Amino acid sequence: MLRPAEVVERTGLSRSQIYQMIKDGVFPPFIKLSERASAMPEAWLDAFIALRVESTTSTNETPALGGQKHA
C-alpha cells in the first residue's frame, strides 16, 4: 500500500493534480484505511503507469523527443 506522499513521489504529479485526476475518474482512488489514513494498492498505481506508457507508445510518440513522431 502506498500513502499519498509516496504516490506523489513515484508519479511526479502534485498532490492536487492527483486528487483532481481521481475526481475526474482518470486516476486510481485511494482507499480509506482509517478516519485519517488513506493508501493506494501499489498494483493499482503500477497498472495506471503501465497504461499511460502503453498509450504513449501506441501513438508512436517519443516523450524524450518532445512528442515528435518517429519512423
Protein backbone atom coordinates (compact mmCIF):
# COMPACT_ATOMS: atom_id res chain seq x y z
CA MET A 1 0.00 0.00 0.00
CA LEU A 2 1.27 3.43 -0.96
CA ARG A 3 0.50 6.53 1.06
CA PRO A 4 -0.31 9.75 -0.85
CA ALA A 5 3.22 11.16 -0.44
CA GLU A 6 4.66 8.01 -2.00
CA VAL A 7 2.25 8.28 -4.94
CA VAL A 8 3.31 11.91 -5.45
CA GLU A 9 6.97 10.87 -5.39
CA ARG A 10 6.52 7.95 -7.80
CA THR A 11 4.42 9.87 -10.35
CA GLY A 12 5.99 13.31 -10.22
CA LEU A 13 2.48 14.77 -10.07
CA SER A 14 1.44 17.21 -7.38
CA ARG A 15 -0.97 16.13 -4.68
CA SER A 16 -3.65 18.48 -6.07
CA GLN A 17 -3.18 17.09 -9.61
CA ILE A 18 -3.63 13.56 -8.30
CA TYR A 19 -6.81 14.40 -6.41
CA GLN A 20 -8.23 16.25 -9.44
CA MET A 21 -7.46 13.24 -11.65
CA ILE A 22 -9.17 10.94 -9.12
CA LYS A 23 -12.20 13.26 -9.17
CA ASP A 24 -12.18 13.15 -12.99
CA GLY A 25 -12.08 9.35 -12.89
CA VAL A 26 -8.72 9.03 -14.67
CA PHE A 27 -6.53 8.03 -11.72
CA PRO A 28 -6.98 5.15 -9.27
CA PRO A 29 -8.56 6.25 -5.98
CA PHE A 30 -7.12 6.00 -2.51
CA ILE A 31 -8.68 3.56 -0.05
CA LYS A 32 -9.60 4.85 3.41
CA LEU A 33 -7.65 2.78 5.93
CA SER A 34 -8.95 4.73 8.91
CA GLU A 35 -10.51 8.09 9.65
CA ARG A 36 -7.22 9.89 8.93
CA ALA A 37 -5.26 7.49 6.72
CA SER A 38 -5.57 6.62 3.04
CA ALA A 39 -3.45 4.50 0.76
CA MET A 40 -3.44 3.03 -2.73
CA PRO A 41 -2.57 -0.55 -3.61
CA GLU A 42 0.80 -0.47 -5.36
CA ALA A 43 -0.59 -2.72 -8.12
CA TRP A 44 -3.21 -0.08 -8.97
CA LEU A 45 -0.55 2.60 -9.44
CA ASP A 46 1.67 0.21 -11.42
CA ALA A 47 -1.26 -0.62 -13.73
CA PHE A 48 -2.07 3.08 -14.21
CA ILE A 49 1.54 3.85 -15.13
CA ALA A 50 1.72 0.86 -17.49
CA LEU A 51 -1.43 2.03 -19.28
CA ARG A 52 -0.02 5.55 -19.65
CA VAL A 53 3.21 4.16 -21.10
CA GLU A 54 1.26 1.88 -23.45
CA SER A 55 -0.97 4.72 -24.66
CA THR A 56 2.06 6.91 -25.30
CA THR A 57 3.98 4.25 -27.20
CA SER A 58 0.91 3.11 -29.15
CA THR A 59 0.58 6.61 -30.64
CA ASN A 60 4.19 6.24 -31.85
CA GLU A 61 5.42 9.27 -29.91
CA THR A 62 8.73 9.54 -28.12
CA PRO A 63 8.33 11.69 -24.98
CA ALA A 64 12.08 12.33 -24.80
CA LEU A 65 11.89 13.97 -28.23
CA GLY A 66 9.17 16.40 -27.26
CA GLY A 67 6.35 14.25 -28.59
CA GLN A 68 7.77 14.08 -32.11
CA LYS A 69 6.69 11.18 -34.27
CA HIS A 70 9.43 8.72 -35.07
CA ALA A 71 9.77 6.36 -38.00
